[in-house]
Amino acid sequence: MERVLLLGYFGAGNFGDDALLTGWLAHHESWLREKEYLVDISVHGECLPTGGFIESNGLNELVGTKITRDELLSVDVSSYRALVVPGGSLLQDESSLKSLLYYLWVIRRFILAKVPVYLLNQGIGPLHTWLARFLTPRYLQNTRMLSFRDRDSYE
């Protein structure tokens, strides 16, 4: 069974991020089952990311490993078919440059291993620091797919 990793701010008790994950899994459920993909997810807390959503019935069997923030830095990226970032605003330094660098590092590891990276419906920015404005476009240009959720993110 092949594995896909979903990267996001899941399991931290943020309703929007966990709803995004649940909705993505529900929308792609039949395709994931058809391809026999197991979905590992990055988690940032103790909460079950799909818990509390009626749409999650039956989805938990699609989820393999819940990978913590620290574990994600050393995960064997070659064991994945793809890295998918299904939405959100991970790529910004408004709340923390450290957080942006963390996500860029994870994305870079997959790119260097030639594992396809798909960033979907991304809100990018604001990027305040010169380092953020320098690194972000350079890493993103090597992704397999990048879609933006708004005009500001695109620009």
N, C-alpha and C. Protein backbone atom coordinates (compact mmCIF):
# COMPACT_ATOMS: atom_id res chain seq x y z
N MET A 1 0.85 -1.17 0.00
CA MET A 1 0.00 0.00 0.00
C MET A 1 0.89 1.24 0.00
N GLU A 2 0.66 2.13 -0.95
CA GLU A 2 1.45 3.36 -1.03
C GLU A 2 0.91 4.40 -0.06
N ARG A 3 1.80 5.32 0.30
CA ARG A 3 1.44 6.32 1.30
C ARG A 3 1.58 7.73 0.72
N VAL A 4 0.70 8.59 1.20
CA VAL A 4 0.70 10.01 0.89
C VAL A 4 0.77 10.74 2.23
N LEU A 5 1.51 11.83 2.28
CA LEU A 5 1.59 12.63 3.50
C LEU A 5 0.85 13.93 3.30
N LEU A 6 -0.07 14.23 4.21
CA LEU A 6 -0.77 15.52 4.21
C LEU A 6 -0.10 16.41 5.25
N LEU A 7 0.35 17.56 4.79
CA LEU A 7 1.05 18.51 5.63
C LEU A 7 0.13 19.69 5.94
N GLY A 8 0.00 19.99 7.21
CA GLY A 8 -0.82 21.12 7.63
C GLY A 8 -0.71 21.31 9.13
N TYR A 9 -1.49 22.23 9.63
CA TYR A 9 -1.51 22.52 11.06
C TYR A 9 -2.69 21.77 11.67
N PHE A 10 -2.62 20.44 11.60
CA PHE A 10 -3.73 19.59 12.01
C PHE A 10 -3.57 19.11 13.45
N GLY A 11 -4.69 18.92 14.12
CA GLY A 11 -4.67 18.32 15.45
C GLY A 11 -4.30 19.26 16.58
N ALA A 12 -4.27 20.54 16.31
CA ALA A 12 -3.93 21.51 17.36
C ALA A 12 -5.18 22.15 17.95
N GLY A 13 -6.34 21.65 17.56
CA GLY A 13 -7.59 22.20 18.07
C GLY A 13 -8.09 23.39 17.27
N ASN A 14 -7.49 23.65 16.13
CA ASN A 14 -7.94 24.73 15.25
C ASN A 14 -9.03 24.17 14.35
N PHE A 15 -10.25 24.59 14.56
CA PHE A 15 -11.40 24.05 13.84
C PHE A 15 -11.24 24.15 12.32
N GLY A 16 -10.77 25.28 11.83
CA GLY A 16 -10.65 25.49 10.39
C GLY A 16 -9.68 24.51 9.74
N ASP A 17 -8.51 24.32 10.35
CA ASP A 17 -7.52 23.40 9.78
C ASP A 17 -8.01 21.96 9.82
N ASP A 18 -8.63 21.57 10.93
CA ASP A 18 -9.13 20.20 11.04
C ASP A 18 -10.32 19.96 10.10
N ALA A 19 -11.14 20.99 9.90
CA ALA A 19 -12.25 20.87 8.94
C ALA A 19 -11.70 20.75 7.52
N LEU A 20 -10.65 21.48 7.21
CA LEU A 20 -10.00 21.38 5.91
C LEU A 20 -9.51 19.96 5.66
N LEU A 21 -8.85 19.37 6.64
CA LEU A 21 -8.36 18.00 6.53
C LEU A 21 -9.51 17.02 6.32
N THR A 22 -10.53 17.13 7.14
CA THR A 22 -11.68 16.23 7.05
C THR A 22 -12.37 16.36 5.70
N GLY A 23 -12.57 17.59 5.25
CA GLY A 23 -13.19 17.82 3.95
C GLY A 23 -12.36 17.25 2.81
N TRP A 24 -11.04 17.41 2.88
CA TRP A 24 -10.17 16.89 1.83
C TRP A 24 -10.24 15.37 1.79
N LEU A 25 -10.18 14.74 2.95
CA LEU A 25 -10.28 13.28 3.00
C LEU A 25 -11.63 12.80 2.48
N ALA A 26 -12.72 13.46 2.88
CA ALA A 26 -14.05 13.06 2.44
C ALA A 26 -14.19 13.22 0.93
N HIS A 27 -13.68 14.32 0.40
CA HIS A 27 -13.79 14.58 -1.04
C HIS A 27 -12.99 13.57 -1.87
N HIS A 28 -11.85 13.14 -1.36
CA HIS A 28 -10.97 12.23 -2.10
C HIS A 28 -11.07 10.78 -1.64
N GLU A 29 -12.03 10.48 -0.78
CA GLU A 29 -12.12 9.14 -0.19
C GLU A 29 -12.16 8.03 -1.23
N SER A 30 -13.03 8.10 -2.20
CA SER A 30 -13.14 7.00 -3.17
C SER A 30 -11.87 6.88 -4.01
N TRP A 31 -11.27 7.99 -4.38
CA TRP A 31 -10.03 7.94 -5.15
C TRP A 31 -8.91 7.32 -4.33
N LEU A 32 -8.80 7.71 -3.06
CA LEU A 32 -7.77 7.14 -2.18
C LEU A 32 -7.96 5.64 -2.01
N ARG A 33 -9.21 5.22 -1.86
CA ARG A 33 -9.50 3.78 -1.72
C ARG A 33 -9.18 3.04 -3.02
N GLU A 34 -9.56 3.62 -4.14
CA GLU A 34 -9.30 3.00 -5.44
C GLU A 34 -7.80 2.80 -5.67
N LYS A 35 -7.01 3.80 -5.33
CA LYS A 35 -5.55 3.73 -5.50
C LYS A 35 -4.87 2.96 -4.38
N GLU A 36 -5.65 2.64 -3.32
CA GLU A 36 -5.14 1.95 -2.14
C GLU A 36 -4.03 2.75 -1.45
N TYR A 37 -4.27 4.07 -1.33
CA TYR A 37 -3.34 4.94 -0.63
C TYR A 37 -3.70 5.00 0.85
N LEU A 38 -2.67 4.99 1.66
CA LEU A 38 -2.81 5.23 3.07
C LEU A 38 -2.32 6.66 3.30
N VAL A 39 -3.04 7.44 4.08
CA VAL A 39 -2.74 8.85 4.26
C VAL A 39 -2.15 9.07 5.65
N ASP A 40 -0.89 9.46 5.69
CA ASP A 40 -0.28 9.89 6.93
C ASP A 40 -0.52 11.38 7.05
N ILE A 41 -0.65 11.88 8.27
CA ILE A 41 -0.91 13.30 8.46
C ILE A 41 0.03 13.89 9.49
N SER A 42 0.44 15.11 9.24
CA SER A 42 1.25 15.82 10.22
C SER A 42 0.30 16.36 11.29
N VAL A 43 0.69 16.23 12.54
CA VAL A 43 -0.14 16.71 13.63
C VAL A 43 0.67 17.62 14.55
N HIS A 44 -0.03 18.57 15.14
CA HIS A 44 0.62 19.54 16.02
C HIS A 44 -0.02 19.58 17.40
N GLY A 45 -0.67 18.51 17.76
CA GLY A 45 -1.30 18.47 19.07
C GLY A 45 -1.87 17.10 19.34
N GLU A 46 -2.57 17.02 20.43
CA GLU A 46 -3.13 15.75 20.87
C GLU A 46 -4.52 15.46 20.31
N CYS A 47 -5.16 16.46 19.75
CA CYS A 47 -6.52 16.28 19.24
C CYS A 47 -6.53 15.34 18.05
N LEU A 48 -7.57 14.54 17.94
CA LEU A 48 -7.78 13.76 16.73
C LEU A 48 -8.31 14.72 15.68
N PRO A 49 -7.54 14.98 14.61
CA PRO A 49 -7.91 16.03 13.66
C PRO A 49 -9.28 15.85 13.02
N THR A 50 -9.72 14.61 12.81
CA THR A 50 -11.02 14.41 12.16
C THR A 50 -12.13 14.18 13.18
N GLY A 51 -11.79 14.18 14.46
CA GLY A 51 -12.80 13.95 15.49
C GLY A 51 -13.80 15.09 15.55
N GLY A 52 -15.03 14.76 15.78
CA GLY A 52 -16.06 15.78 15.94
C GLY A 52 -16.76 16.18 14.66
N PHE A 53 -16.34 15.66 13.52
CA PHE A 53 -16.98 15.96 12.25
C PHE A 53 -17.78 14.75 11.80
N ILE A 54 -19.05 14.95 11.50
CA ILE A 54 -19.89 13.85 11.06
C ILE A 54 -19.35 13.24 9.76
N GLU A 55 -18.68 14.07 8.95
CA GLU A 55 -18.11 13.60 7.69
C GLU A 55 -16.95 12.63 7.89
N SER A 56 -16.45 12.55 9.12
CA SER A 56 -15.29 11.69 9.36
C SER A 56 -15.64 10.22 9.49
N ASN A 57 -16.93 9.89 9.53
CA ASN A 57 -17.31 8.48 9.62
C ASN A 57 -16.70 7.69 8.48
N GLY A 58 -15.90 6.69 8.82
CA GLY A 58 -15.26 5.85 7.83
C GLY A 58 -13.94 6.39 7.30
N LEU A 59 -13.63 7.64 7.60
CA LEU A 59 -12.39 8.22 7.08
C LEU A 59 -11.16 7.82 7.88
N ASN A 60 -11.36 7.52 9.15
CA ASN A 60 -10.20 7.22 10.00
C ASN A 60 -9.43 5.99 9.52
N GLU A 61 -10.10 5.08 8.81
CA GLU A 61 -9.38 3.91 8.29
C GLU A 61 -8.47 4.27 7.12
N LEU A 62 -8.64 5.45 6.54
CA LEU A 62 -7.73 5.93 5.49
C LEU A 62 -6.44 6.49 6.09
N VAL A 63 -6.52 6.88 7.35
CA VAL A 63 -5.39 7.54 8.01
C VAL A 63 -4.46 6.50 8.60
N GLY A 64 -3.19 6.63 8.23
CA GLY A 64 -2.17 5.75 8.76
C GLY A 64 -1.54 6.33 10.01
N THR A 65 -0.37 6.87 9.84
CA THR A 65 0.41 7.40 10.95
C THR A 65 0.15 8.88 11.14
N LYS A 66 0.03 9.28 12.38
CA LYS A 66 -0.02 10.70 12.73
C LYS A 66 1.41 11.07 13.12
N ILE A 67 2.01 11.95 12.34
CA ILE A 67 3.42 12.28 12.50
C ILE A 67 3.55 13.63 13.19
N THR A 68 4.25 13.64 14.30
CA THR A 68 4.43 14.88 15.05
C THR A 68 5.40 15.82 14.32
N ARG A 69 5.39 17.03 14.77
CA ARG A 69 6.24 18.07 14.19
C ARG A 69 7.71 17.65 14.21
N ASP A 70 8.18 17.12 15.33
CA ASP A 70 9.58 16.70 15.44
C ASP A 70 9.87 15.49 14.56
N GLU A 71 8.97 14.53 14.55
CA GLU A 71 9.16 13.33 13.72
C GLU A 71 9.22 13.66 12.23
N LEU A 72 8.49 14.69 11.84
CA LEU A 72 8.42 15.06 10.43
C LEU A 72 9.77 15.52 9.88
N LEU A 73 10.62 16.03 10.75
CA LEU A 73 11.93 16.50 10.31
C LEU A 73 12.86 15.37 9.88
N SER A 74 12.57 14.15 10.33
CA SER A 74 13.46 13.04 9.99
C SER A 74 12.72 11.88 9.32
N VAL A 75 11.48 12.08 8.91
CA VAL A 75 10.72 11.01 8.27
C VAL A 75 11.39 10.62 6.95
N ASP A 76 11.29 9.35 6.59
CA ASP A 76 11.85 8.85 5.33
C ASP A 76 10.95 9.31 4.19
N VAL A 77 11.32 10.39 3.54
CA VAL A 77 10.46 10.97 2.50
C VAL A 77 10.34 10.07 1.28
N SER A 78 11.31 9.21 1.06
CA SER A 78 11.26 8.32 -0.11
C SER A 78 10.19 7.24 0.04
N SER A 79 9.63 7.10 1.22
CA SER A 79 8.57 6.10 1.42
C SER A 79 7.19 6.64 1.03
N TYR A 80 7.14 7.88 0.53
CA TYR A 80 5.87 8.51 0.18
C TYR A 80 5.72 8.66 -1.33
N ARG A 81 4.49 8.53 -1.76
CA ARG A 81 4.13 8.74 -3.17
C ARG A 81 4.01 10.24 -3.48
N ALA A 82 3.61 11.03 -2.46
CA ALA A 82 3.44 12.47 -2.65
C ALA A 82 3.33 13.16 -1.30
N LEU A 83 3.65 14.45 -1.33
CA LEU A 83 3.38 15.36 -0.21
C LEU A 83 2.29 16.30 -0.69
N VAL A 84 1.20 16.37 0.07
CA VAL A 84 0.07 17.23 -0.29
C VAL A 84 -0.17 18.21 0.85
N VAL A 85 -0.23 19.49 0.49
CA VAL A 85 -0.62 20.53 1.44
C VAL A 85 -1.99 20.99 0.96
N PRO A 86 -3.07 20.51 1.60
CA PRO A 86 -4.41 20.69 1.04
C PRO A 86 -5.05 22.05 1.24
N GLY A 87 -4.32 23.01 1.74
CA GLY A 87 -4.88 24.35 1.92
C GLY A 87 -4.34 24.99 3.18
N GLY A 88 -4.77 26.20 3.42
CA GLY A 88 -4.33 26.91 4.60
C GLY A 88 -3.36 28.01 4.27
N SER A 89 -2.74 28.53 5.31
CA SER A 89 -1.77 29.64 5.17
C SER A 89 -0.50 29.31 5.94
N LEU A 90 0.10 28.19 5.61
CA LEU A 90 1.31 27.78 6.31
C LEU A 90 2.50 28.65 5.95
N LEU A 91 2.51 29.15 4.73
CA LEU A 91 3.68 29.84 4.21
C LEU A 91 3.56 31.35 4.41
N GLN A 92 3.83 31.75 5.64
CA GLN A 92 3.79 33.16 6.02
C GLN A 92 4.69 33.34 7.23
N ASP A 93 5.20 34.55 7.40
CA ASP A 93 6.03 34.81 8.57
C ASP A 93 5.40 35.84 9.51
N GLU A 94 4.11 36.07 9.33
CA GLU A 94 3.38 36.99 10.20
C GLU A 94 3.39 36.49 11.64
N SER A 95 3.12 35.19 11.82
CA SER A 95 3.09 34.64 13.17
C SER A 95 4.47 34.17 13.62
N SER A 96 5.30 33.71 12.67
CA SER A 96 6.62 33.23 13.05
C SER A 96 7.46 32.90 11.82
N LEU A 97 8.66 33.43 11.77
CA LEU A 97 9.59 33.06 10.71
C LEU A 97 10.02 31.61 10.90
N LYS A 98 10.15 31.20 12.14
CA LYS A 98 10.56 29.82 12.45
C LYS A 98 9.56 28.81 11.85
N SER A 99 8.29 29.10 11.97
CA SER A 99 7.26 28.21 11.42
C SER A 99 7.36 28.13 9.89
N LEU A 100 7.54 29.28 9.24
CA LEU A 100 7.69 29.29 7.79
C LEU A 100 8.90 28.46 7.37
N LEU A 101 10.03 28.65 8.05
CA LEU A 101 11.24 27.90 7.71
C LEU A 101 11.06 26.41 7.93
N TYR A 102 10.32 26.05 8.95
CA TYR A 102 10.02 24.64 9.20
C TYR A 102 9.27 24.04 8.01
N TYR A 103 8.19 24.67 7.57
CA TYR A 103 7.41 24.14 6.46
C TYR A 103 8.21 24.13 5.16
N LEU A 104 8.99 25.16 4.92
CA LEU A 104 9.84 25.17 3.72
C LEU A 104 10.87 24.04 3.76
N TRP A 105 11.40 23.76 4.94
CA TRP A 105 12.37 22.67 5.09
C TRP A 105 11.72 21.33 4.75
N VAL A 106 10.53 21.09 5.26
CA VAL A 106 9.82 19.84 4.96
C VAL A 106 9.57 19.73 3.46
N ILE A 107 9.07 20.79 2.86
CA ILE A 107 8.81 20.79 1.41
C ILE A 107 10.10 20.54 0.64
N ARG A 108 11.17 21.18 1.04
CA ARG A 108 12.47 21.02 0.37
C ARG A 108 12.94 19.58 0.42
N ARG A 109 12.79 18.92 1.56
CA ARG A 109 13.22 17.51 1.68
C ARG A 109 12.50 16.63 0.66
N PHE A 110 11.21 16.86 0.46
CA PHE A 110 10.46 16.06 -0.50
C PHE A 110 10.90 16.38 -1.93
N ILE A 111 11.10 17.65 -2.21
CA ILE A 111 11.55 18.06 -3.55
C ILE A 111 12.90 17.43 -3.87
N LEU A 112 13.84 17.50 -2.94
CA LEU A 112 15.16 16.93 -3.17
C LEU A 112 15.12 15.42 -3.38
N ALA A 113 14.15 14.76 -2.76
CA ALA A 113 13.99 13.31 -2.92
C ALA A 113 13.18 12.97 -4.17
N LYS A 114 12.81 14.00 -4.92
CA LYS A 114 12.03 13.84 -6.15
C LYS A 114 10.65 13.20 -5.91
N VAL A 115 10.09 13.49 -4.74
CA VAL A 115 8.73 13.10 -4.40
C VAL A 115 7.84 14.29 -4.76
N PRO A 116 6.81 14.10 -5.57
CA PRO A 116 5.96 15.23 -5.98
C PRO A 116 5.34 15.96 -4.79
N VAL A 117 5.34 17.28 -4.88
CA VAL A 117 4.75 18.13 -3.85
C VAL A 117 3.60 18.91 -4.49
N TYR A 118 2.43 18.83 -3.86
CA TYR A 118 1.23 19.52 -4.35
C TYR A 118 0.76 20.48 -3.27
N LEU A 119 0.78 21.77 -3.56
CA LEU A 119 0.27 22.77 -2.64
C LEU A 119 -1.02 23.30 -3.23
N LEU A 120 -2.11 23.06 -2.56
CA LEU A 120 -3.44 23.34 -3.09
C LEU A 120 -4.12 24.44 -2.30
N ASN A 121 -4.72 25.39 -3.02
CA ASN A 121 -5.51 26.44 -2.39
C ASN A 121 -4.74 27.14 -1.27
N GLN A 122 -3.53 27.55 -1.60
CA GLN A 122 -2.65 28.14 -0.59
C GLN A 122 -2.84 29.64 -0.44
N GLY A 123 -2.89 30.06 0.81
CA GLY A 123 -2.76 31.46 1.14
C GLY A 123 -1.31 31.68 1.49
N ILE A 124 -0.61 32.47 0.71
CA ILE A 124 0.82 32.68 0.93
C ILE A 124 1.04 34.12 1.38
N GLY A 125 1.81 34.25 2.44
CA GLY A 125 2.11 35.57 2.97
C GLY A 125 1.15 35.95 4.08
N PRO A 126 1.43 37.07 4.67
CA PRO A 126 2.47 38.02 4.30
C PRO A 126 3.87 37.46 4.59
N LEU A 127 4.81 37.91 3.75
CA LEU A 127 6.22 37.57 3.91
C LEU A 127 6.96 38.87 4.22
N HIS A 128 7.26 39.08 5.49
CA HIS A 128 7.85 40.34 5.94
C HIS A 128 9.37 40.38 5.82
N THR A 129 10.01 39.27 6.10
CA THR A 129 11.47 39.28 6.17
C THR A 129 12.07 39.02 4.79
N TRP A 130 13.29 39.50 4.60
CA TRP A 130 13.98 39.27 3.32
C TRP A 130 14.20 37.79 3.10
N LEU A 131 14.48 37.05 4.18
CA LEU A 131 14.71 35.61 4.05
C LEU A 131 13.46 34.90 3.56
N ALA A 132 12.31 35.25 4.09
CA ALA A 132 11.04 34.65 3.66
C ALA A 132 10.75 34.98 2.19
N ARG A 133 10.97 36.22 1.82
CA ARG A 133 10.72 36.63 0.42
C ARG A 133 11.72 36.00 -0.55
N PHE A 134 12.90 35.67 -0.06
CA PHE A 134 13.92 35.04 -0.90
C PHE A 134 13.66 33.53 -1.06
N LEU A 135 13.44 32.83 0.06
CA LEU A 135 13.34 31.37 0.03
C LEU A 135 12.01 30.84 -0.51
N THR A 136 10.91 31.46 -0.13
CA THR A 136 9.60 30.92 -0.47
C THR A 136 9.41 30.70 -1.97
N PRO A 137 9.61 31.70 -2.82
CA PRO A 137 9.39 31.44 -4.25
C PRO A 137 10.37 30.43 -4.84
N ARG A 138 11.57 30.38 -4.30
CA ARG A 138 12.57 29.44 -4.82
C ARG A 138 12.18 28.00 -4.54
N TYR A 139 11.63 27.73 -3.37
CA TYR A 139 11.20 26.36 -3.06
C TYR A 139 9.93 26.02 -3.81
N LEU A 140 9.02 26.97 -3.90
CA LEU A 140 7.73 26.68 -4.51
C LEU A 140 7.82 26.46 -6.01
N GLN A 141 8.81 27.01 -6.66
CA GLN A 141 8.92 26.83 -8.11
C GLN A 141 9.21 25.38 -8.48
N ASN A 142 9.63 24.57 -7.53
CA ASN A 142 9.93 23.16 -7.79
C ASN A 142 8.82 22.21 -7.39
N THR A 143 7.67 22.75 -7.04
CA THR A 143 6.55 21.88 -6.68
C THR A 143 5.87 21.39 -7.96
N ARG A 144 5.18 20.27 -7.85
CA ARG A 144 4.47 19.70 -8.99
C ARG A 144 3.24 20.53 -9.32
N MET A 145 2.56 21.00 -8.27
CA MET A 145 1.36 21.81 -8.47
C MET A 145 1.27 22.84 -7.35
N LEU A 146 0.88 24.05 -7.74
CA LEU A 146 0.69 25.12 -6.77
C LEU A 146 -0.52 25.92 -7.19
N SER A 147 -1.53 25.93 -6.33
CA SER A 147 -2.71 26.76 -6.60
C SER A 147 -2.90 27.70 -5.41
N PHE A 148 -3.35 28.92 -5.72
CA PHE A 148 -3.49 29.96 -4.72
C PHE A 148 -4.95 30.19 -4.40
N ARG A 149 -5.21 30.60 -3.17
CA ARG A 149 -6.60 30.82 -2.79
C ARG A 149 -7.06 32.24 -3.03
N ASP A 150 -6.13 33.16 -3.29
CA ASP A 150 -6.53 34.54 -3.54
C ASP A 150 -5.46 35.26 -4.36
N ARG A 151 -5.82 36.42 -4.87
CA ARG A 151 -4.94 37.21 -5.73
C ARG A 151 -3.68 37.67 -5.00
N ASP A 152 -3.80 38.07 -3.74
CA ASP A 152 -2.65 38.52 -2.98
C ASP A 152 -1.60 37.41 -2.85
N SER A 153 -2.04 36.18 -2.64
CA SER A 153 -1.10 35.07 -2.53
C SER A 153 -0.39 34.82 -3.84
N TYR A 154 -1.10 34.97 -4.93
CA TYR A 154 -0.51 34.78 -6.25
C TYR A 154 0.57 35.82 -6.52
N GLU A 155 0.24 37.04 -6.20
CA GLU A 155 1.19 38.14 -6.47
C GLU A 155 2.38 38.07 -5.54
